[in-house]
Amino acid sequence: MKARAAHLLAAAALAAAAAGCIDTDAAVFVDPSITSPAATVATSALGAQLAVSFTLELHLGARASGPSRVAVRTFEIASADQETSIVAPLAAETTTPLPVEVAPGSDVRVAFTFDSSEGGGLLPEGVAAALCAAEGIRVTGAIEDSLEDGATPVASDTFAASCP
């Protein structure tokens, strides 16, 4: 009987310890990332046009001192090594009102798009070739996190544009 009571007590102690797991998420400032980047280059006799879409993901850990208001400072398309700006600034738009609030322990996703064909815009000479480089491209940018001073850089993984 004592052995069974000891087992039950040990099981209860393990359950209590598991319920109170320590949160090891170290994101006390907003941790931004750019996901699902896609770019399509279309060419015609008049020039080239570009359509871009991506998602800005914002993560704030549960140990943050409070919610953060996040504003977008800028976006651009850069070379894979981020040494060359190809399309800067990238006037990407979203239907989500900015700035956005990110609560501690949460994630916020904001979808952005850019289409140079809206308004009849053409890319400058040579930009289509840079966008279609074999090394790929990245969407890069910077956000402002109200919990932190200055701008926080963010960049997508390298990806290949869809080119003619």
C-alpha atoms as a PDB file:
ATOM      1  CA  MET A   1       0.000   0.000   0.000  1.00  0.00           C
ATOM      2  CA  LYS A   2       2.829   2.394   0.885  1.00  0.00           C
ATOM      3  CA  ALA A   3       4.549   1.638  -2.437  1.00  0.00           C
ATOM      4  CA  ARG A   4       1.367   2.476  -4.375  1.00  0.00           C
ATOM      5  CA  ALA A   5       0.963   5.749  -2.470  1.00  0.00           C
ATOM      6  CA  ALA A   6       4.603   6.629  -3.214  1.00  0.00           C
ATOM      7  CA  HIS A   7       4.040   5.977  -6.941  1.00  0.00           C
ATOM      8  CA  LEU A   8       0.924   8.161  -6.963  1.00  0.00           C
ATOM      9  CA  LEU A   9       2.767  10.931  -5.129  1.00  0.00           C
ATOM     10  CA  ALA A  10       5.677  10.732  -7.593  1.00  0.00           C
ATOM     11  CA  ALA A  11       3.266  10.852 -10.551  1.00  0.00           C
ATOM     12  CA  ALA A  12       1.512  13.886  -9.092  1.00  0.00           C
ATOM     13  CA  ALA A  13       4.861  15.641  -8.576  1.00  0.00           C
ATOM     14  CA  LEU A  14       5.892  14.952 -12.178  1.00  0.00           C
ATOM     15  CA  ALA A  15       2.561  16.261 -13.475  1.00  0.00           C
ATOM     16  CA  ALA A  16       2.922  19.439 -11.420  1.00  0.00           C
ATOM     17  CA  ALA A  17       6.469  19.974 -12.677  1.00  0.00           C
ATOM     18  CA  ALA A  18       5.390  19.452 -16.308  1.00  0.00           C
ATOM     19  CA  ALA A  19       2.552  21.937 -15.948  1.00  0.00           C
ATOM     20  CA  GLY A  20       4.946  24.636 -14.775  1.00  0.00           C
ATOM     21  CA  CYS A  21       7.525  24.312 -17.561  1.00  0.00           C
ATOM     22  CA  ILE A  22       9.876  27.247 -17.834  1.00  0.00           C
ATOM     23  CA  ASP A  23       9.481  29.290 -21.019  1.00  0.00           C
ATOM     24  CA  THR A  24      12.893  29.367 -22.717  1.00  0.00           C
ATOM     25  CA  ASP A  25      11.826  31.657 -25.603  1.00  0.00           C
ATOM     26  CA  ALA A  26      14.419  34.448 -25.465  1.00  0.00           C
ATOM     27  CA  ALA A  27      12.602  36.850 -27.839  1.00  0.00           C
ATOM     28  CA  VAL A  28      12.149  39.844 -25.516  1.00  0.00           C
ATOM     29  CA  PHE A  29      12.212  42.091 -28.608  1.00  0.00           C
ATOM     30  CA  VAL A  30      10.281  41.388 -31.809  1.00  0.00           C
ATOM     31  CA  ASP A  31      12.008  38.734 -33.922  1.00  0.00           C
ATOM     32  CA  PRO A  32      11.125  39.457 -37.580  1.00  0.00           C
ATOM     33  CA  SER A  33      11.424  37.137 -40.567  1.00  0.00           C
ATOM     34  CA  ILE A  34      10.385  37.315 -44.205  1.00  0.00           C
ATOM     35  CA  THR A  35       8.783  34.115 -45.465  1.00  0.00           C
ATOM     36  CA  SER A  36       7.180  32.873 -48.683  1.00  0.00           C
ATOM     37  CA  PRO A  37       8.963  35.328 -50.972  1.00  0.00           C
ATOM     38  CA  ALA A  38       8.035  35.133 -54.648  1.00  0.00           C
ATOM     39  CA  ALA A  39       8.882  37.354 -57.596  1.00  0.00           C
ATOM     40  CA  THR A  40       7.810  37.229 -61.232  1.00  0.00           C
ATOM     41  CA  VAL A  41       9.561  39.188 -63.959  1.00  0.00           C
ATOM     42  CA  ALA A  42       7.659  39.785 -67.202  1.00  0.00           C
ATOM     43  CA  THR A  43       9.299  41.310 -70.248  1.00  0.00           C
ATOM     44  CA  SER A  44       7.884  42.967 -73.334  1.00  0.00           C
ATOM     45  CA  ALA A  45       9.180  45.145 -76.144  1.00  0.00           C
ATOM     46  CA  LEU A  46       8.636  48.173 -73.910  1.00  0.00           C
ATOM     47  CA  GLY A  47      10.588  46.843 -70.911  1.00  0.00           C
ATOM     48  CA  ALA A  48      10.252  44.638 -67.846  1.00  0.00           C
ATOM     49  CA  GLN A  49       7.719  44.522 -65.041  1.00  0.00           C
ATOM     50  CA  LEU A  50       7.915  42.943 -61.602  1.00  0.00           C
ATOM     51  CA  ALA A  51       5.365  41.369 -59.262  1.00  0.00           C
ATOM     52  CA  VAL A  52       6.455  40.447 -55.708  1.00  0.00           C
ATOM     53  CA  SER A  53       4.733  38.889 -52.698  1.00  0.00           C
ATOM     54  CA  PHE A  54       6.033  37.922 -49.257  1.00  0.00           C
ATOM     55  CA  THR A  55       4.957  37.620 -45.631  1.00  0.00           C
ATOM     56  CA  LEU A  56       6.507  39.527 -42.746  1.00  0.00           C
ATOM     57  CA  GLU A  57       6.339  37.337 -39.649  1.00  0.00           C
ATOM     58  CA  LEU A  58       6.756  38.988 -36.254  1.00  0.00           C
ATOM     59  CA  HIS A  59       7.374  36.925 -33.107  1.00  0.00           C
ATOM     60  CA  LEU A  60       7.505  38.197 -29.519  1.00  0.00           C
ATOM     61  CA  GLY A  61       8.331  35.848 -26.658  1.00  0.00           C
ATOM     62  CA  ALA A  62       6.205  35.500 -23.552  1.00  0.00           C
ATOM     63  CA  ARG A  63       8.977  36.988 -21.383  1.00  0.00           C
ATOM     64  CA  ALA A  64       8.833  40.380 -23.154  1.00  0.00           C
ATOM     65  CA  SER A  65       8.131  43.384 -20.923  1.00  0.00           C
ATOM     66  CA  GLY A  66       4.884  44.134 -22.761  1.00  0.00           C
ATOM     67  CA  PRO A  67       3.345  44.425 -26.221  1.00  0.00           C
ATOM     68  CA  SER A  68       5.244  46.001 -29.089  1.00  0.00           C
ATOM     69  CA  ARG A  69       4.030  48.297 -31.841  1.00  0.00           C
ATOM     70  CA  VAL A  70       5.859  47.404 -35.033  1.00  0.00           C
ATOM     71  CA  ALA A  71       6.190  49.733 -38.002  1.00  0.00           C
ATOM     72  CA  VAL A  72       7.840  48.953 -41.321  1.00  0.00           C
ATOM     73  CA  ARG A  73      10.705  51.232 -42.175  1.00  0.00           C
ATOM     74  CA  THR A  74      11.653  49.954 -45.660  1.00  0.00           C
ATOM     75  CA  PHE A  75      11.826  46.983 -48.031  1.00  0.00           C
ATOM     76  CA  GLU A  76      13.996  46.312 -51.062  1.00  0.00           C
ATOM     77  CA  ILE A  77      15.075  43.499 -53.329  1.00  0.00           C
ATOM     78  CA  ALA A  78      18.766  42.760 -52.981  1.00  0.00           C
ATOM     79  CA  SER A  79      21.245  40.350 -54.500  1.00  0.00           C
ATOM     80  CA  ALA A  80      21.700  36.984 -52.781  1.00  0.00           C
ATOM     81  CA  ASP A  81      24.798  38.258 -50.941  1.00  0.00           C
ATOM     82  CA  GLN A  82      22.919  41.473 -49.985  1.00  0.00           C
ATOM     83  CA  GLU A  83      25.772  43.551 -51.418  1.00  0.00           C
ATOM     84  CA  THR A  84      23.689  45.098 -54.224  1.00  0.00           C
ATOM     85  CA  SER A  85      20.287  46.779 -54.070  1.00  0.00           C
ATOM     86  CA  ILE A  86      18.297  45.798 -57.148  1.00  0.00           C
ATOM     87  CA  VAL A  87      14.902  47.416 -56.473  1.00  0.00           C
ATOM     88  CA  ALA A  88      15.051  50.048 -53.743  1.00  0.00           C
ATOM     89  CA  PRO A  89      12.850  51.097 -52.219  1.00  0.00           C
ATOM     90  CA  LEU A  90      10.324  48.326 -52.829  1.00  0.00           C
ATOM     91  CA  ALA A  91       6.982  50.068 -52.397  1.00  0.00           C
ATOM     92  CA  ALA A  92       5.223  46.947 -51.109  1.00  0.00           C
ATOM     93  CA  GLU A  93       1.651  47.314 -49.916  1.00  0.00           C
ATOM     94  CA  THR A  94      -0.492  45.485 -47.387  1.00  0.00           C
ATOM     95  CA  THR A  95      -4.151  45.494 -46.450  1.00  0.00           C
ATOM     96  CA  THR A  96      -3.183  45.192 -42.771  1.00  0.00           C
ATOM     97  CA  PRO A  97      -3.183  48.567 -40.989  1.00  0.00           C
ATOM     98  CA  LEU A  98       0.325  49.501 -39.839  1.00  0.00           C
ATOM     99  CA  PRO A  99       1.816  49.723 -37.282  1.00  0.00           C
ATOM    100  CA  VAL A 100       0.731  46.354 -35.876  1.00  0.00           C
ATOM    101  CA  GLU A 101       0.705  45.332 -32.234  1.00  0.00           C
ATOM    102  CA  VAL A 102       2.498  42.136 -31.233  1.00  0.00           C
ATOM    103  CA  ALA A 103       1.531  40.814 -27.796  1.00  0.00           C
ATOM    104  CA  PRO A 104       3.987  38.854 -25.633  1.00  0.00           C
ATOM    105  CA  GLY A 105       3.918  35.163 -26.523  1.00  0.00           C
ATOM    106  CA  SER A 106       2.371  35.728 -29.949  1.00  0.00           C
ATOM    107  CA  ASP A 107       3.068  35.823 -33.668  1.00  0.00           C
ATOM    108  CA  VAL A 108       1.680  38.288 -36.219  1.00  0.00           C
ATOM    109  CA  ARG A 109       1.823  37.739 -39.985  1.00  0.00           C
ATOM    110  CA  VAL A 110       1.479  40.568 -42.497  1.00  0.00           C
ATOM    111  CA  ALA A 111       1.233  39.824 -46.236  1.00  0.00           C
ATOM    112  CA  PHE A 112       2.812  42.305 -48.662  1.00  0.00           C
ATOM    113  CA  THR A 113       2.580  42.666 -52.443  1.00  0.00           C
ATOM    114  CA  PHE A 114       4.173  44.845 -55.094  1.00  0.00           C
ATOM    115  CA  ASP A 115       3.268  45.043 -58.773  1.00  0.00           C
ATOM    116  CA  SER A 116       5.128  47.467 -61.022  1.00  0.00           C
ATOM    117  CA  SER A 117       2.510  47.011 -63.760  1.00  0.00           C
ATOM    118  CA  GLU A 118      -0.032  48.883 -61.649  1.00  0.00           C
ATOM    119  CA  GLY A 119       0.206  52.385 -63.007  1.00  0.00           C
ATOM    120  CA  GLY A 120       2.192  51.208 -66.038  1.00  0.00           C
ATOM    121  CA  GLY A 121       5.594  51.200 -64.338  1.00  0.00           C
ATOM    122  CA  LEU A 122       8.580  49.634 -66.051  1.00  0.00           C
ATOM    123  CA  LEU A 123      11.833  48.542 -64.445  1.00  0.00           C
ATOM    124  CA  PRO A 124      15.007  50.463 -65.277  1.00  0.00           C
ATOM    125  CA  GLU A 125      17.393  48.972 -67.850  1.00  0.00           C
ATOM    126  CA  GLY A 126      19.359  45.977 -66.514  1.00  0.00           C
ATOM    127  CA  VAL A 127      17.155  45.358 -63.469  1.00  0.00           C
ATOM    128  CA  ALA A 128      15.437  42.321 -65.018  1.00  0.00           C
ATOM    129  CA  ALA A 129      18.816  40.622 -65.566  1.00  0.00           C
ATOM    130  CA  ALA A 130      19.807  41.270 -61.934  1.00  0.00           C
ATOM    131  CA  LEU A 131      16.463  39.908 -60.683  1.00  0.00           C
ATOM    132  CA  CYS A 132      16.948  36.769 -62.791  1.00  0.00           C
ATOM    133  CA  ALA A 133      20.555  36.107 -61.686  1.00  0.00           C
ATOM    134  CA  ALA A 134      21.402  32.454 -61.108  1.00  0.00           C
ATOM    135  CA  GLU A 135      22.521  33.231 -57.529  1.00  0.00           C
ATOM    136  CA  GLY A 136      18.995  34.351 -56.641  1.00  0.00           C
ATOM    137  CA  ILE A 137      17.698  37.374 -54.773  1.00  0.00           C
ATOM    138  CA  ARG A 138      16.385  38.311 -51.321  1.00  0.00           C
ATOM    139  CA  VAL A 139      13.697  40.590 -49.963  1.00  0.00           C
ATOM    140  CA  THR A 140      15.334  42.682 -47.252  1.00  0.00           C
ATOM    141  CA  GLY A 141      14.093  45.444 -45.029  1.00  0.00           C
ATOM    142  CA  ALA A 142      13.939  46.983 -41.602  1.00  0.00           C
ATOM    143  CA  ILE A 143      11.267  47.306 -38.927  1.00  0.00           C
ATOM    144  CA  GLU A 144      10.884  49.556 -35.910  1.00  0.00           C
ATOM    145  CA  ASP A 145      10.048  47.740 -32.657  1.00  0.00           C
ATOM    146  CA  SER A 146       8.667  49.999 -29.899  1.00  0.00           C
ATOM    147  CA  LEU A 147      10.433  47.823 -27.293  1.00  0.00           C
ATOM    148  CA  GLU A 148      13.841  48.532 -28.836  1.00  0.00           C
ATOM    149  CA  ASP A 149      15.729  51.598 -30.037  1.00  0.00           C
ATOM    150  CA  GLY A 150      16.664  51.833 -33.720  1.00  0.00           C
ATOM    151  CA  ALA A 151      15.793  49.669 -36.680  1.00  0.00           C
ATOM    152  CA  THR A 152      15.859  45.872 -36.776  1.00  0.00           C
ATOM    153  CA  PRO A 153      17.025  44.394 -40.103  1.00  0.00           C
ATOM    154  CA  VAL A 154      15.190  41.482 -41.689  1.00  0.00           C
ATOM    155  CA  ALA A 155      15.897  39.387 -44.805  1.00  0.00           C
ATOM    156  CA  SER A 156      14.309  36.459 -46.579  1.00  0.00           C
ATOM    157  CA  ASP A 157      16.198  33.354 -47.561  1.00  0.00           C
ATOM    158  CA  THR A 158      17.655  33.453 -51.069  1.00  0.00           C
ATOM    159  CA  PHE A 159      15.083  32.574 -53.732  1.00  0.00           C
ATOM    160  CA  ALA A 160      14.852  32.550 -57.528  1.00  0.00           C
ATOM    161  CA  ALA A 161      12.515  34.860 -59.374  1.00  0.00           C
ATOM    162  CA  SER A 162      10.264  33.408 -62.050  1.00  0.00           C
ATOM    163  CA  CYS A 163      11.799  34.774 -65.225  1.00  0.00           C
ATOM    164  CA  PRO A 164      11.085  34.476 -68.953  1.00  0.00           C
END
